[in-house]
Amino acid sequence: MEIAVVGTDEFILGFRLAGVRKTYAAETDERLVEQINQVLEDTDVGILVLKGSDMERIPLRLRTTLENSVKPTVIAIGGEEGGLSMRERIKRSVGVDLWK
């Protein structure tokens, strides 16, 4: 399983420096949707990281798909997620509540 990060050049830079290989730059809304769909088709990706504000920019249908996705598990960093908490996402992907 790999981690994929989609966002602006500034957002993905830190992940590149940390060694994440699958980083995708998306400056426009159209490119953001294209890159997310590409990651969703990649069976090697287990976690998709997005900026919280980018979640608001994508169409409702795709956002719903991401919020309900188990593989890859989608993590929105910064801002309001508008969906499940990090605890709920981990519980859904692992199958166990790690906080108990």
N, C-alpha and C. Protein backbone atom coordinates (compact mmCIF):
# COMPACT_ATOMS: atom_id res chain seq x y z
N MET A 1 0.83 -1.18 0.00
CA MET A 1 0.00 0.00 0.00
C MET A 1 0.87 1.24 0.00
N GLU A 2 0.47 2.18 -0.82
CA GLU A 2 1.22 3.43 -0.90
C GLU A 2 0.33 4.60 -0.54
N ILE A 3 0.97 5.72 -0.25
CA ILE A 3 0.27 6.97 0.03
C ILE A 3 0.35 7.83 -1.22
N ALA A 4 -0.77 8.43 -1.58
CA ALA A 4 -0.81 9.38 -2.69
C ALA A 4 -1.28 10.72 -2.16
N VAL A 5 -0.71 11.79 -2.70
CA VAL A 5 -1.08 13.14 -2.28
C VAL A 5 -1.43 13.94 -3.52
N VAL A 6 -2.59 14.61 -3.48
CA VAL A 6 -3.03 15.44 -4.59
C VAL A 6 -3.28 16.84 -4.06
N GLY A 7 -2.75 17.85 -4.76
CA GLY A 7 -2.97 19.23 -4.34
C GLY A 7 -2.05 20.18 -5.08
N THR A 8 -1.97 21.38 -4.56
CA THR A 8 -1.11 22.39 -5.16
C THR A 8 0.36 22.01 -4.96
N ASP A 9 1.22 22.65 -5.72
CA ASP A 9 2.66 22.39 -5.60
C ASP A 9 3.14 22.62 -4.17
N GLU A 10 2.65 23.68 -3.54
CA GLU A 10 3.07 24.00 -2.18
C GLU A 10 2.61 22.91 -1.20
N PHE A 11 1.41 22.38 -1.40
CA PHE A 11 0.87 21.36 -0.49
C PHE A 11 1.62 20.04 -0.61
N ILE A 12 1.94 19.63 -1.82
CA ILE A 12 2.57 18.32 -2.00
C ILE A 12 4.08 18.33 -1.75
N LEU A 13 4.68 19.51 -1.72
CA LEU A 13 6.13 19.61 -1.56
C LEU A 13 6.63 18.91 -0.29
N GLY A 14 5.99 19.16 0.83
CA GLY A 14 6.42 18.53 2.09
C GLY A 14 6.33 17.02 2.05
N PHE A 15 5.32 16.51 1.38
CA PHE A 15 5.17 15.07 1.26
C PHE A 15 6.26 14.48 0.37
N ARG A 16 6.63 15.20 -0.68
CA ARG A 16 7.74 14.75 -1.54
C ARG A 16 9.03 14.68 -0.74
N LEU A 17 9.27 15.72 0.07
CA LEU A 17 10.48 15.76 0.88
C LEU A 17 10.50 14.65 1.93
N ALA A 18 9.31 14.22 2.37
CA ALA A 18 9.21 13.15 3.35
C ALA A 18 9.32 11.77 2.71
N GLY A 19 9.38 11.72 1.37
CA GLY A 19 9.59 10.45 0.70
C GLY A 19 8.36 9.84 0.05
N VAL A 20 7.25 10.57 0.05
CA VAL A 20 6.06 10.06 -0.64
C VAL A 20 6.29 10.19 -2.14
N ARG A 21 6.20 9.06 -2.85
CA ARG A 21 6.53 9.06 -4.27
C ARG A 21 5.35 9.46 -5.16
N LYS A 22 4.15 9.14 -4.74
CA LYS A 22 2.98 9.41 -5.57
C LYS A 22 2.36 10.74 -5.17
N THR A 23 2.91 11.82 -5.73
CA THR A 23 2.38 13.16 -5.50
C THR A 23 1.95 13.72 -6.84
N TYR A 24 0.78 14.35 -6.84
CA TYR A 24 0.19 14.84 -8.08
C TYR A 24 -0.20 16.30 -7.91
N ALA A 25 0.40 17.16 -8.73
CA ALA A 25 0.09 18.59 -8.67
C ALA A 25 -1.21 18.88 -9.42
N ALA A 26 -2.05 19.69 -8.80
CA ALA A 26 -3.33 20.06 -9.42
C ALA A 26 -3.66 21.49 -9.02
N GLU A 27 -3.45 22.40 -9.93
CA GLU A 27 -3.69 23.82 -9.64
C GLU A 27 -5.11 24.24 -9.99
N THR A 28 -5.74 23.58 -10.96
CA THR A 28 -7.10 23.95 -11.36
C THR A 28 -8.10 22.90 -10.86
N ASP A 29 -9.36 23.27 -10.82
CA ASP A 29 -10.40 22.33 -10.38
C ASP A 29 -10.48 21.12 -11.31
N GLU A 30 -10.35 21.36 -12.60
CA GLU A 30 -10.42 20.26 -13.57
C GLU A 30 -9.27 19.28 -13.38
N ARG A 31 -8.09 19.82 -13.18
CA ARG A 31 -6.91 18.98 -12.98
C ARG A 31 -7.01 18.22 -11.66
N LEU A 32 -7.58 18.85 -10.65
CA LEU A 32 -7.78 18.21 -9.35
C LEU A 32 -8.66 16.97 -9.51
N VAL A 33 -9.75 17.11 -10.22
CA VAL A 33 -10.67 15.98 -10.44
C VAL A 33 -9.98 14.88 -11.24
N GLU A 34 -9.22 15.26 -12.28
CA GLU A 34 -8.50 14.27 -13.10
C GLU A 34 -7.51 13.47 -12.24
N GLN A 35 -6.74 14.18 -11.42
CA GLN A 35 -5.72 13.52 -10.61
C GLN A 35 -6.35 12.61 -9.55
N ILE A 36 -7.45 13.05 -8.95
CA ILE A 36 -8.13 12.22 -7.96
C ILE A 36 -8.65 10.95 -8.61
N ASN A 37 -9.26 11.07 -9.78
CA ASN A 37 -9.76 9.89 -10.49
C ASN A 37 -8.63 8.94 -10.86
N GLN A 38 -7.48 9.48 -11.22
CA GLN A 38 -6.31 8.66 -11.54
C GLN A 38 -5.87 7.88 -10.31
N VAL A 39 -5.85 8.53 -9.16
CA VAL A 39 -5.45 7.86 -7.92
C VAL A 39 -6.46 6.79 -7.54
N LEU A 40 -7.75 7.06 -7.72
CA LEU A 40 -8.78 6.09 -7.38
C LEU A 40 -8.65 4.82 -8.22
N GLU A 41 -8.13 4.93 -9.43
CA GLU A 41 -7.95 3.77 -10.30
C GLU A 41 -6.69 2.97 -9.97
N ASP A 42 -5.77 3.56 -9.21
CA ASP A 42 -4.50 2.92 -8.86
C ASP A 42 -4.73 1.98 -7.67
N THR A 43 -4.62 0.69 -7.91
CA THR A 43 -4.89 -0.30 -6.86
C THR A 43 -3.79 -0.36 -5.79
N ASP A 44 -2.64 0.25 -6.05
CA ASP A 44 -1.54 0.25 -5.08
C ASP A 44 -1.73 1.31 -3.99
N VAL A 45 -2.61 2.26 -4.21
CA VAL A 45 -2.79 3.36 -3.26
C VAL A 45 -3.75 2.95 -2.16
N GLY A 46 -3.29 3.07 -0.91
CA GLY A 46 -4.12 2.74 0.24
C GLY A 46 -4.63 3.96 0.97
N ILE A 47 -3.90 5.08 0.85
CA ILE A 47 -4.28 6.33 1.50
C ILE A 47 -4.13 7.47 0.50
N LEU A 48 -5.17 8.27 0.39
CA LEU A 48 -5.16 9.47 -0.45
C LEU A 48 -5.24 10.67 0.46
N VAL A 49 -4.27 11.56 0.36
CA VAL A 49 -4.23 12.77 1.18
C VAL A 49 -4.60 13.97 0.32
N LEU A 50 -5.55 14.75 0.81
CA LEU A 50 -5.99 15.97 0.15
C LEU A 50 -5.99 17.11 1.15
N LYS A 51 -5.93 18.32 0.65
CA LYS A 51 -6.09 19.49 1.50
C LYS A 51 -7.59 19.67 1.75
N GLY A 52 -7.96 20.04 2.96
CA GLY A 52 -9.37 20.20 3.31
C GLY A 52 -10.11 21.14 2.39
N SER A 53 -9.47 22.24 2.00
CA SER A 53 -10.13 23.20 1.11
C SER A 53 -10.31 22.63 -0.29
N ASP A 54 -9.46 21.69 -0.69
CA ASP A 54 -9.62 21.05 -2.00
C ASP A 54 -10.84 20.14 -2.02
N MET A 55 -11.19 19.56 -0.89
CA MET A 55 -12.38 18.72 -0.82
C MET A 55 -13.63 19.52 -1.16
N GLU A 56 -13.62 20.80 -0.82
CA GLU A 56 -14.76 21.67 -1.11
C GLU A 56 -14.83 22.04 -2.58
N ARG A 57 -13.71 21.95 -3.28
CA ARG A 57 -13.64 22.35 -4.69
C ARG A 57 -14.11 21.27 -5.65
N ILE A 58 -14.17 20.03 -5.20
CA ILE A 58 -14.52 18.95 -6.11
C ILE A 58 -16.04 18.77 -6.16
N PRO A 59 -16.55 18.21 -7.25
CA PRO A 59 -18.00 18.02 -7.39
C PRO A 59 -18.57 17.13 -6.27
N LEU A 60 -19.82 17.35 -5.94
CA LEU A 60 -20.47 16.65 -4.83
C LEU A 60 -20.43 15.13 -5.00
N ARG A 61 -20.67 14.66 -6.20
CA ARG A 61 -20.67 13.20 -6.45
C ARG A 61 -19.31 12.58 -6.13
N LEU A 62 -18.24 13.21 -6.59
CA LEU A 62 -16.90 12.70 -6.31
C LEU A 62 -16.57 12.84 -4.83
N ARG A 63 -16.96 13.93 -4.21
CA ARG A 63 -16.73 14.12 -2.78
C ARG A 63 -17.42 13.02 -1.97
N THR A 64 -18.63 12.69 -2.34
CA THR A 64 -19.36 11.61 -1.65
C THR A 64 -18.63 10.29 -1.83
N THR A 65 -18.15 10.03 -3.03
CA THR A 65 -17.38 8.81 -3.29
C THR A 65 -16.14 8.75 -2.39
N LEU A 66 -15.44 9.88 -2.27
CA LEU A 66 -14.24 9.92 -1.44
C LEU A 66 -14.57 9.74 0.03
N GLU A 67 -15.65 10.35 0.49
CA GLU A 67 -16.02 10.24 1.91
C GLU A 67 -16.42 8.82 2.28
N ASN A 68 -16.95 8.06 1.31
CA ASN A 68 -17.38 6.69 1.57
C ASN A 68 -16.32 5.65 1.21
N SER A 69 -15.20 6.11 0.67
CA SER A 69 -14.16 5.20 0.20
C SER A 69 -13.41 4.55 1.37
N VAL A 70 -13.25 3.24 1.26
CA VAL A 70 -12.45 2.51 2.25
C VAL A 70 -11.05 2.29 1.70
N LYS A 71 -10.93 1.98 0.43
CA LYS A 71 -9.64 1.81 -0.22
C LYS A 71 -9.66 2.56 -1.53
N PRO A 72 -8.99 3.65 -1.63
CA PRO A 72 -8.12 4.21 -0.60
C PRO A 72 -8.91 4.96 0.47
N THR A 73 -8.34 4.99 1.65
CA THR A 73 -8.88 5.83 2.71
C THR A 73 -8.46 7.25 2.42
N VAL A 74 -9.42 8.17 2.45
CA VAL A 74 -9.14 9.56 2.09
C VAL A 74 -9.01 10.39 3.36
N ILE A 75 -7.89 11.09 3.46
CA ILE A 75 -7.62 11.95 4.59
C ILE A 75 -7.53 13.39 4.09
N ALA A 76 -8.39 14.25 4.63
CA ALA A 76 -8.35 15.68 4.31
C ALA A 76 -7.61 16.38 5.44
N ILE A 77 -6.56 17.11 5.09
CA ILE A 77 -5.73 17.79 6.08
C ILE A 77 -6.04 19.27 6.07
N GLY A 78 -6.28 19.81 7.25
CA GLY A 78 -6.56 21.24 7.37
C GLY A 78 -8.00 21.56 7.02
N GLY A 79 -8.55 22.53 7.70
CA GLY A 79 -9.92 22.94 7.43
C GLY A 79 -10.91 21.91 7.92
N GLU A 80 -12.15 22.15 7.61
CA GLU A 80 -13.22 21.24 8.01
C GLU A 80 -13.32 20.11 7.00
N GLU A 81 -13.43 18.88 7.50
CA GLU A 81 -13.58 17.73 6.61
C GLU A 81 -14.99 17.63 6.09
N GLY A 82 -15.95 18.03 6.87
CA GLY A 82 -17.33 17.96 6.44
C GLY A 82 -17.87 16.55 6.39
N GLY A 83 -17.10 15.60 6.81
CA GLY A 83 -17.52 14.20 6.77
C GLY A 83 -17.13 13.50 8.06
N LEU A 84 -16.54 12.37 7.91
CA LEU A 84 -16.18 11.56 9.06
C LEU A 84 -14.93 12.08 9.75
N SER A 85 -14.84 11.83 11.04
CA SER A 85 -13.65 12.21 11.80
C SER A 85 -12.52 11.25 11.44
N MET A 86 -11.30 11.64 11.81
CA MET A 86 -10.14 10.78 11.57
C MET A 86 -10.34 9.44 12.26
N ARG A 87 -10.89 9.46 13.47
CA ARG A 87 -11.13 8.23 14.21
C ARG A 87 -12.06 7.30 13.44
N GLU A 88 -13.14 7.84 12.90
CA GLU A 88 -14.09 7.03 12.14
C GLU A 88 -13.46 6.48 10.86
N ARG A 89 -12.64 7.28 10.21
CA ARG A 89 -11.98 6.82 8.98
C ARG A 89 -11.02 5.67 9.26
N ILE A 90 -10.26 5.78 10.34
CA ILE A 90 -9.33 4.71 10.70
C ILE A 90 -10.10 3.46 11.08
N LYS A 91 -11.17 3.63 11.85
CA LYS A 91 -11.99 2.50 12.25
C LYS A 91 -12.57 1.79 11.04
N ARG A 92 -13.02 2.56 10.05
CA ARG A 92 -13.60 1.96 8.84
C ARG A 92 -12.54 1.22 8.03
N SER A 93 -11.34 1.80 7.92
CA SER A 93 -10.32 1.16 7.07
C SER A 93 -9.65 -0.02 7.75
N VAL A 94 -9.43 0.05 9.09
CA VAL A 94 -8.74 -1.03 9.81
C VAL A 94 -9.72 -2.05 10.34
N GLY A 95 -10.93 -1.59 10.67
CA GLY A 95 -11.93 -2.50 11.21
C GLY A 95 -11.96 -2.57 12.72
N VAL A 96 -11.11 -1.75 13.37
CA VAL A 96 -11.00 -1.75 14.82
C VAL A 96 -10.89 -0.30 15.29
N ASP A 97 -11.55 0.00 16.40
CA ASP A 97 -11.42 1.34 17.00
C ASP A 97 -10.13 1.37 17.81
N LEU A 98 -9.12 2.04 17.30
CA LEU A 98 -7.80 2.06 17.95
C LEU A 98 -7.76 2.91 19.20
N TRP A 99 -8.77 3.74 19.43
CA TRP A 99 -8.80 4.59 20.60
C TRP A 99 -9.38 3.90 21.83
N LYS A 100 -9.91 2.69 21.67
CA LYS A 100 -10.48 1.97 22.82
C LYS A 100 -9.45 1.11 23.49
